[in-house]
N, C-alpha and C. Protein backbone atom coordinates (compact mmCIF):
# COMPACT_ATOMS: atom_id res chain seq x y z
N MET A 1 20.16 21.51 18.01
CA MET A 1 20.19 22.07 19.35
C MET A 1 20.53 20.95 20.34
N ARG A 2 21.47 21.24 21.17
CA ARG A 2 21.84 20.24 22.17
C ARG A 2 20.88 20.30 23.36
N SER A 3 20.76 19.22 24.04
CA SER A 3 19.88 19.13 25.20
C SER A 3 20.61 19.66 26.43
N ILE A 4 19.95 20.58 27.16
CA ILE A 4 20.56 21.10 28.39
C ILE A 4 19.54 21.05 29.52
N THR A 5 20.04 21.04 30.73
CA THR A 5 19.20 21.05 31.93
C THR A 5 19.51 22.31 32.70
N VAL A 6 18.47 23.03 33.10
CA VAL A 6 18.64 24.24 33.90
C VAL A 6 17.84 24.09 35.18
N ARG A 7 18.37 24.68 36.24
CA ARG A 7 17.73 24.62 37.56
C ARG A 7 17.67 26.00 38.16
N ALA A 8 16.70 26.20 39.03
CA ALA A 8 16.67 27.41 39.84
C ALA A 8 17.71 27.25 40.95
N GLY A 9 18.10 28.35 41.54
CA GLY A 9 19.12 28.32 42.59
C GLY A 9 18.74 27.46 43.77
N SER A 10 17.45 27.47 44.14
CA SER A 10 17.03 26.70 45.31
C SER A 10 17.24 25.20 45.08
N SER A 11 16.98 24.72 43.88
CA SER A 11 17.18 23.29 43.60
C SER A 11 18.65 22.91 43.70
N SER A 12 19.51 23.75 43.15
CA SER A 12 20.94 23.47 43.21
C SER A 12 21.44 23.49 44.64
N HIS A 13 20.96 24.45 45.43
CA HIS A 13 21.37 24.52 46.83
C HIS A 13 20.90 23.28 47.60
N LEU A 14 19.69 22.84 47.33
CA LEU A 14 19.17 21.67 48.02
C LEU A 14 19.90 20.39 47.61
N MET A 15 20.39 20.33 46.36
CA MET A 15 21.20 19.18 45.95
C MET A 15 22.48 19.12 46.78
N TRP A 16 23.12 20.27 46.96
CA TRP A 16 24.34 20.33 47.77
C TRP A 16 24.03 19.97 49.23
N ALA A 17 22.90 20.45 49.74
CA ALA A 17 22.52 20.12 51.12
C ALA A 17 22.29 18.62 51.27
N GLY A 18 21.67 17.99 50.29
CA GLY A 18 21.48 16.54 50.32
C GLY A 18 22.79 15.79 50.33
N ALA A 19 23.72 16.24 49.49
CA ALA A 19 25.05 15.60 49.45
C ALA A 19 25.77 15.78 50.79
N ALA A 20 25.63 16.97 51.40
CA ALA A 20 26.26 17.22 52.70
C ALA A 20 25.65 16.32 53.77
N LEU A 21 24.33 16.12 53.72
CA LEU A 21 23.69 15.22 54.68
C LEU A 21 24.20 13.79 54.54
N VAL A 22 24.41 13.35 53.32
CA VAL A 22 24.95 12.00 53.10
C VAL A 22 26.34 11.90 53.73
N LEU A 23 27.16 12.92 53.54
CA LEU A 23 28.51 12.90 54.13
C LEU A 23 28.43 12.91 55.66
N ILE A 24 27.57 13.74 56.22
CA ILE A 24 27.42 13.80 57.68
C ILE A 24 26.91 12.46 58.21
N GLY A 25 25.96 11.85 57.50
CA GLY A 25 25.45 10.55 57.92
C GLY A 25 26.52 9.48 57.88
N ALA A 26 27.37 9.52 56.84
CA ALA A 26 28.45 8.54 56.73
C ALA A 26 29.46 8.71 57.86
N LEU A 27 29.79 9.96 58.17
CA LEU A 27 30.74 10.21 59.27
C LEU A 27 30.13 9.80 60.61
N THR A 28 28.83 10.02 60.77
CA THR A 28 28.15 9.61 62.00
C THR A 28 28.18 8.09 62.13
N ALA A 29 27.86 7.40 61.05
CA ALA A 29 27.89 5.93 61.09
C ALA A 29 29.31 5.42 61.34
N LEU A 30 30.29 6.12 60.81
CA LEU A 30 31.68 5.73 61.02
C LEU A 30 32.09 5.86 62.49
N PHE A 31 31.45 6.79 63.20
CA PHE A 31 31.74 6.97 64.62
C PHE A 31 31.39 5.71 65.41
N ALA A 32 30.51 4.90 64.84
CA ALA A 32 30.13 3.65 65.52
C ALA A 32 31.34 2.73 65.71
N VAL A 33 32.31 2.83 64.84
CA VAL A 33 33.52 2.00 64.98
C VAL A 33 34.22 2.33 66.29
N ALA A 34 34.29 3.63 66.61
CA ALA A 34 34.94 4.02 67.87
C ALA A 34 34.16 3.47 69.06
N LEU A 35 32.84 3.47 68.94
CA LEU A 35 32.04 2.92 70.04
C LEU A 35 32.21 1.41 70.16
N LEU A 36 32.36 0.73 69.03
CA LEU A 36 32.60 -0.72 69.07
C LEU A 36 33.94 -1.04 69.73
N VAL A 37 34.95 -0.22 69.42
CA VAL A 37 36.27 -0.42 70.02
C VAL A 37 36.17 -0.28 71.54
N ARG A 38 35.34 0.65 72.00
CA ARG A 38 35.16 0.85 73.44
C ARG A 38 34.24 -0.20 74.04
N GLY A 39 33.65 -1.04 73.21
CA GLY A 39 32.80 -2.12 73.72
C GLY A 39 31.35 -1.71 73.95
N GLU A 40 30.93 -0.60 73.41
CA GLU A 40 29.56 -0.13 73.59
C GLU A 40 28.72 -0.56 72.39
N LEU A 41 28.25 -1.79 72.43
CA LEU A 41 27.52 -2.37 71.31
C LEU A 41 26.18 -1.67 71.06
N LEU A 42 25.43 -1.40 72.10
CA LEU A 42 24.13 -0.75 71.94
C LEU A 42 24.29 0.67 71.40
N GLY A 43 25.25 1.41 71.93
CA GLY A 43 25.53 2.77 71.45
C GLY A 43 25.95 2.77 69.99
N ALA A 44 26.80 1.80 69.63
CA ALA A 44 27.24 1.69 68.24
C ALA A 44 26.07 1.41 67.31
N ALA A 45 25.17 0.53 67.74
CA ALA A 45 24.00 0.21 66.90
C ALA A 45 23.11 1.43 66.72
N LEU A 46 22.91 2.18 67.80
CA LEU A 46 22.07 3.38 67.70
C LEU A 46 22.71 4.45 66.81
N VAL A 47 24.01 4.62 66.92
CA VAL A 47 24.71 5.61 66.09
C VAL A 47 24.66 5.19 64.62
N VAL A 48 24.81 3.89 64.34
CA VAL A 48 24.70 3.42 62.96
C VAL A 48 23.30 3.69 62.42
N LEU A 49 22.28 3.42 63.22
CA LEU A 49 20.91 3.69 62.78
C LEU A 49 20.68 5.17 62.52
N LEU A 50 21.22 6.02 63.41
CA LEU A 50 21.11 7.46 63.20
C LEU A 50 21.82 7.88 61.92
N GLY A 51 23.01 7.36 61.72
CA GLY A 51 23.77 7.68 60.51
C GLY A 51 23.04 7.24 59.25
N LEU A 52 22.45 6.05 59.28
CA LEU A 52 21.71 5.56 58.11
C LEU A 52 20.46 6.41 57.85
N ALA A 53 19.81 6.87 58.91
CA ALA A 53 18.64 7.74 58.74
C ALA A 53 19.04 9.07 58.10
N VAL A 54 20.16 9.63 58.54
CA VAL A 54 20.64 10.89 57.96
C VAL A 54 21.06 10.68 56.51
N ILE A 55 21.71 9.56 56.22
CA ILE A 55 22.08 9.25 54.83
C ILE A 55 20.84 9.13 53.96
N ALA A 56 19.82 8.43 54.46
CA ALA A 56 18.57 8.27 53.69
C ALA A 56 17.91 9.63 53.44
N ALA A 57 17.88 10.49 54.44
CA ALA A 57 17.30 11.81 54.27
C ALA A 57 18.08 12.62 53.23
N GLY A 58 19.39 12.52 53.27
CA GLY A 58 20.23 13.22 52.30
C GLY A 58 20.01 12.72 50.88
N VAL A 59 19.89 11.41 50.73
CA VAL A 59 19.65 10.84 49.39
C VAL A 59 18.29 11.29 48.86
N VAL A 60 17.28 11.25 49.71
CA VAL A 60 15.93 11.68 49.27
C VAL A 60 15.95 13.15 48.88
N LEU A 61 16.57 14.00 49.69
CA LEU A 61 16.65 15.42 49.38
C LEU A 61 17.39 15.65 48.07
N PHE A 62 18.50 14.96 47.87
CA PHE A 62 19.29 15.11 46.64
C PHE A 62 18.47 14.70 45.42
N VAL A 63 17.80 13.55 45.49
CA VAL A 63 17.03 13.05 44.35
C VAL A 63 15.86 13.98 44.02
N LEU A 64 15.16 14.43 45.05
CA LEU A 64 14.03 15.34 44.81
C LEU A 64 14.50 16.68 44.24
N ALA A 65 15.60 17.22 44.76
CA ALA A 65 16.12 18.49 44.25
C ALA A 65 16.64 18.33 42.82
N ARG A 66 17.23 17.19 42.53
CA ARG A 66 17.73 16.93 41.17
C ARG A 66 16.57 16.83 40.19
N ARG A 67 15.45 16.33 40.65
CA ARG A 67 14.27 16.18 39.80
C ARG A 67 13.67 17.52 39.42
N ALA A 68 13.81 18.53 40.27
CA ALA A 68 13.24 19.86 40.03
C ALA A 68 14.12 20.62 39.05
N ALA A 69 13.82 20.47 37.77
CA ALA A 69 14.64 21.10 36.73
C ALA A 69 13.84 21.22 35.45
N ALA A 70 14.37 22.02 34.54
CA ALA A 70 13.79 22.14 33.20
C ALA A 70 14.80 21.58 32.20
N HIS A 71 14.30 20.81 31.26
CA HIS A 71 15.15 20.19 30.24
C HIS A 71 14.79 20.79 28.88
N LEU A 72 15.79 21.38 28.22
CA LEU A 72 15.58 22.03 26.93
C LEU A 72 16.21 21.18 25.84
N ASP A 73 15.46 20.91 24.79
CA ASP A 73 16.02 20.19 23.65
C ASP A 73 15.36 20.70 22.38
N ALA A 74 15.62 20.03 21.27
CA ALA A 74 15.10 20.47 19.98
C ALA A 74 13.59 20.37 19.88
N ARG A 75 12.97 19.52 20.68
CA ARG A 75 11.51 19.35 20.63
C ARG A 75 10.77 20.41 21.42
N GLY A 76 11.32 20.82 22.56
CA GLY A 76 10.64 21.79 23.40
C GLY A 76 11.24 21.82 24.79
N ILE A 77 10.42 22.18 25.75
CA ILE A 77 10.87 22.28 27.14
C ILE A 77 10.02 21.38 28.02
N ALA A 78 10.70 20.59 28.82
CA ALA A 78 10.03 19.70 29.78
C ALA A 78 10.54 20.08 31.17
N TRP A 79 9.66 20.02 32.16
CA TRP A 79 10.08 20.35 33.51
C TRP A 79 9.25 19.59 34.53
N SER A 80 9.80 19.53 35.72
CA SER A 80 9.07 18.96 36.85
C SER A 80 9.57 19.63 38.11
N THR A 81 8.70 19.67 39.10
CA THR A 81 9.08 20.17 40.40
C THR A 81 9.51 18.98 41.26
N MET A 82 9.83 19.21 42.51
CA MET A 82 10.29 18.12 43.36
C MET A 82 9.26 17.00 43.46
N LEU A 83 8.01 17.36 43.66
CA LEU A 83 6.98 16.34 43.87
C LEU A 83 5.88 16.38 42.81
N GLY A 84 5.88 17.37 41.94
CA GLY A 84 4.81 17.53 40.96
C GLY A 84 4.98 16.66 39.73
N ALA A 85 3.93 16.70 38.91
CA ALA A 85 3.94 15.94 37.66
C ALA A 85 4.88 16.61 36.65
N ARG A 86 5.33 15.83 35.70
CA ARG A 86 6.17 16.38 34.64
C ARG A 86 5.29 17.11 33.63
N SER A 87 5.81 18.20 33.08
CA SER A 87 5.09 18.97 32.08
C SER A 87 5.98 19.14 30.86
N PHE A 88 5.35 19.34 29.71
CA PHE A 88 6.09 19.51 28.46
C PHE A 88 5.33 20.47 27.55
N VAL A 89 6.06 21.38 26.92
CA VAL A 89 5.49 22.27 25.91
C VAL A 89 6.44 22.25 24.71
N PRO A 90 5.94 21.87 23.51
CA PRO A 90 6.80 21.92 22.32
C PRO A 90 7.04 23.36 21.88
N TRP A 91 8.19 23.60 21.27
CA TRP A 91 8.55 24.95 20.83
C TRP A 91 7.53 25.49 19.83
N GLU A 92 6.87 24.62 19.07
CA GLU A 92 5.90 25.08 18.08
C GLU A 92 4.78 25.88 18.73
N GLN A 93 4.46 25.58 19.98
CA GLN A 93 3.36 26.25 20.67
C GLN A 93 3.80 27.53 21.36
N VAL A 94 5.10 27.76 21.50
CA VAL A 94 5.60 28.90 22.26
C VAL A 94 5.73 30.12 21.35
N HIS A 95 5.07 31.20 21.76
CA HIS A 95 5.18 32.47 21.03
C HIS A 95 6.32 33.30 21.60
N GLN A 96 6.43 33.33 22.94
CA GLN A 96 7.44 34.17 23.59
C GLN A 96 7.79 33.59 24.95
N VAL A 97 9.04 33.76 25.35
CA VAL A 97 9.50 33.38 26.69
C VAL A 97 9.73 34.67 27.47
N VAL A 98 9.15 34.77 28.66
CA VAL A 98 9.28 35.97 29.50
C VAL A 98 9.96 35.58 30.81
N VAL A 99 10.98 36.34 31.18
CA VAL A 99 11.67 36.14 32.46
C VAL A 99 11.36 37.36 33.33
N PRO A 100 10.30 37.28 34.15
CA PRO A 100 9.90 38.45 34.94
C PRO A 100 10.93 38.81 36.00
N GLU A 101 11.14 40.11 36.15
CA GLU A 101 11.99 40.61 37.23
C GLU A 101 11.20 40.55 38.54
N MET A 102 11.83 40.89 39.64
CA MET A 102 11.20 40.77 40.94
C MET A 102 9.96 41.67 41.07
N ASN A 103 9.97 42.84 40.45
CA ASN A 103 8.85 43.76 40.59
C ASN A 103 7.77 43.54 39.52
N GLU A 104 7.94 42.56 38.67
CA GLU A 104 6.97 42.26 37.62
C GLU A 104 6.09 41.08 38.02
N PRO A 105 4.86 41.02 37.48
CA PRO A 105 3.98 39.90 37.82
C PRO A 105 4.51 38.58 37.27
N GLY A 106 4.16 37.52 37.93
CA GLY A 106 4.63 36.19 37.55
C GLY A 106 5.63 35.68 38.56
N ASP A 107 5.48 34.43 38.97
CA ASP A 107 6.38 33.89 39.99
C ASP A 107 7.40 32.91 39.43
N ALA A 108 7.46 32.80 38.09
CA ALA A 108 8.41 31.89 37.46
C ALA A 108 8.64 32.36 36.03
N VAL A 109 9.57 31.71 35.35
CA VAL A 109 9.75 31.96 33.92
C VAL A 109 8.45 31.59 33.23
N LEU A 110 7.99 32.44 32.31
CA LEU A 110 6.69 32.25 31.69
C LEU A 110 6.81 31.93 30.20
N LEU A 111 5.97 31.02 29.75
CA LEU A 111 5.85 30.73 28.32
C LEU A 111 4.53 31.30 27.84
N ARG A 112 4.59 32.25 26.93
CA ARG A 112 3.37 32.77 26.30
C ARG A 112 3.14 31.94 25.05
N LEU A 113 2.04 31.20 25.04
CA LEU A 113 1.77 30.29 23.93
C LEU A 113 1.03 31.01 22.81
N ARG A 114 1.05 30.41 21.65
CA ARG A 114 0.42 31.01 20.46
C ARG A 114 -1.10 31.14 20.63
N ASP A 115 -1.71 30.30 21.45
CA ASP A 115 -3.16 30.38 21.67
C ASP A 115 -3.54 31.42 22.72
N GLY A 116 -2.55 32.15 23.26
CA GLY A 116 -2.82 33.22 24.22
C GLY A 116 -2.67 32.82 25.67
N THR A 117 -2.53 31.54 25.97
CA THR A 117 -2.37 31.13 27.36
C THR A 117 -0.93 31.38 27.83
N VAL A 118 -0.79 31.51 29.13
CA VAL A 118 0.52 31.71 29.74
C VAL A 118 0.79 30.53 30.67
N VAL A 119 1.92 29.88 30.46
CA VAL A 119 2.28 28.70 31.24
C VAL A 119 3.54 29.02 32.05
N PRO A 120 3.46 28.99 33.39
CA PRO A 120 4.67 29.19 34.18
C PRO A 120 5.49 27.90 34.23
N ILE A 121 6.79 28.04 34.14
CA ILE A 121 7.69 26.89 34.28
C ILE A 121 7.97 26.78 35.78
N ALA A 122 7.20 25.93 36.44
CA ALA A 122 7.22 25.85 37.91
C ALA A 122 8.59 25.51 38.46
N ALA A 123 9.41 24.80 37.72
CA ALA A 123 10.74 24.42 38.21
C ALA A 123 11.70 25.61 38.22
N LEU A 124 11.35 26.69 37.52
CA LEU A 124 12.22 27.86 37.45
C LEU A 124 11.54 29.04 38.13
N ARG A 125 11.32 28.89 39.42
CA ARG A 125 10.65 29.93 40.21
C ARG A 125 11.57 31.11 40.45
N LYS A 126 10.93 32.25 40.58
CA LYS A 126 11.64 33.49 40.84
C LYS A 126 12.09 33.52 42.29
N THR A 127 13.37 33.77 42.53
CA THR A 127 13.90 33.90 43.88
C THR A 127 14.74 35.16 43.96
N GLN A 128 14.84 35.70 45.16
CA GLN A 128 15.63 36.91 45.39
C GLN A 128 17.02 36.56 45.89
N THR A 129 17.92 37.51 45.67
CA THR A 129 19.25 37.35 46.25
C THR A 129 19.16 37.66 47.74
N ALA A 130 20.00 37.04 48.51
CA ALA A 130 20.00 37.28 49.95
C ALA A 130 20.62 38.64 50.28
N ASP A 131 21.52 39.09 49.43
CA ASP A 131 22.24 40.34 49.70
C ASP A 131 21.35 41.57 49.57
N GLU A 132 20.77 41.73 48.41
CA GLU A 132 20.03 42.95 48.13
C GLU A 132 18.56 42.84 48.49
N GLY A 133 17.96 41.69 48.26
CA GLY A 133 16.55 41.52 48.55
C GLY A 133 15.63 42.16 47.52
N THR A 134 16.18 42.85 46.55
CA THR A 134 15.34 43.49 45.54
C THR A 134 15.56 42.93 44.15
N GLY A 135 16.68 42.31 43.91
CA GLY A 135 16.98 41.77 42.59
C GLY A 135 16.75 40.28 42.52
N ALA A 136 16.53 39.81 41.32
CA ALA A 136 16.35 38.37 41.11
C ALA A 136 17.68 37.66 41.28
N HIS A 137 17.61 36.42 41.73
CA HIS A 137 18.80 35.60 41.95
C HIS A 137 19.48 35.33 40.60
N PRO A 138 20.81 35.39 40.53
CA PRO A 138 21.51 35.16 39.27
C PRO A 138 21.21 33.79 38.64
N TRP A 139 20.98 32.76 39.46
CA TRP A 139 20.69 31.44 38.90
C TRP A 139 19.35 31.46 38.18
N TYR A 140 18.38 32.17 38.73
CA TYR A 140 17.07 32.30 38.08
C TYR A 140 17.23 33.04 36.76
N LEU A 141 18.01 34.12 36.76
CA LEU A 141 18.22 34.89 35.54
C LEU A 141 18.95 34.07 34.48
N ARG A 142 19.95 33.29 34.90
CA ARG A 142 20.68 32.44 33.94
C ARG A 142 19.77 31.36 33.37
N ALA A 143 18.95 30.75 34.23
CA ALA A 143 18.03 29.72 33.75
C ALA A 143 17.04 30.31 32.77
N GLY A 144 16.50 31.48 33.08
CA GLY A 144 15.57 32.14 32.18
C GLY A 144 16.22 32.50 30.85
N ALA A 145 17.46 33.00 30.92
CA ALA A 145 18.18 33.34 29.69
C ALA A 145 18.43 32.10 28.84
N ALA A 146 18.68 30.97 29.46
CA ALA A 146 18.89 29.72 28.71
C ALA A 146 17.62 29.30 27.98
N VAL A 147 16.46 29.48 28.62
CA VAL A 147 15.19 29.14 27.97
C VAL A 147 14.95 30.09 26.80
N VAL A 148 15.22 31.38 26.99
CA VAL A 148 15.05 32.36 25.90
C VAL A 148 15.96 31.99 24.73
N ARG A 149 17.24 31.67 25.01
CA ARG A 149 18.18 31.30 23.93
C ARG A 149 17.72 30.06 23.19
N ALA A 150 17.26 29.05 23.94
CA ALA A 150 16.81 27.81 23.31
C ALA A 150 15.62 28.08 22.39
N HIS A 151 14.70 28.92 22.83
CA HIS A 151 13.55 29.26 21.99
C HIS A 151 14.00 30.03 20.75
N GLN A 152 14.93 30.96 20.92
CA GLN A 152 15.44 31.72 19.78
C GLN A 152 16.17 30.82 18.79
N GLU A 153 16.93 29.84 19.30
CA GLU A 153 17.60 28.87 18.41
C GLU A 153 16.57 28.09 17.61
N TRP A 154 15.52 27.66 18.28
CA TRP A 154 14.48 26.91 17.58
C TRP A 154 13.82 27.79 16.52
N LEU A 155 13.53 29.05 16.85
CA LEU A 155 12.93 29.96 15.87
C LEU A 155 13.84 30.18 14.67
N ALA A 156 15.16 30.27 14.91
CA ALA A 156 16.11 30.47 13.82
C ALA A 156 16.14 29.25 12.88
N GLN A 157 15.92 28.06 13.41
CA GLN A 157 15.93 26.85 12.60
C GLN A 157 14.59 26.57 11.95
N HIS A 158 13.53 27.18 12.48
CA HIS A 158 12.18 26.94 11.97
C HIS A 158 11.49 28.26 11.70
N PRO A 159 11.86 28.94 10.60
CA PRO A 159 11.24 30.25 10.33
C PRO A 159 9.73 30.07 10.08
N PRO A 160 8.95 31.10 10.45
CA PRO A 160 7.51 30.98 10.23
C PRO A 160 7.19 30.91 8.74
N PRO A 161 6.14 30.19 8.38
CA PRO A 161 5.81 30.08 6.96
C PRO A 161 5.39 31.44 6.40
N SER A 162 5.80 31.71 5.17
CA SER A 162 5.43 32.98 4.55
C SER A 162 3.97 32.94 4.13
N ARG A 163 3.34 34.08 4.17
CA ARG A 163 1.90 34.16 3.86
C ARG A 163 1.67 34.49 2.42
């Protein structure tokens, strides 16, 4: 099984927003050149500082959003949220993967473990589409389907022992 990374739609959108902030900050800092040409040294310094602050905010947003993801490999599933601790569950412990729809209980993709506990994958939170407001976001559904497929692949390679 190859290793893949899946994200909820909100994480991907925030990564793009972080990259856009970096671009806006760079263009803002570049405007300082025009102020220097006009001889406004103090204005140029302030604009450069503003641009650097926007770039820093964009980099932080991008890094945090990139961190919020689930990583699937042959061993199991590992995930982390933007600021939370990393979590890991090996496939051996997973009985079933559930991807709840909007009207079903659960706020994220759920792992039902063999011991009966239910573990939500916090990085793959349930989100709604902006258009309909009633259906789950396609990115959430794709991420959930990827987790289900990875678990099924693991089950196919590791059949349960016969009794």
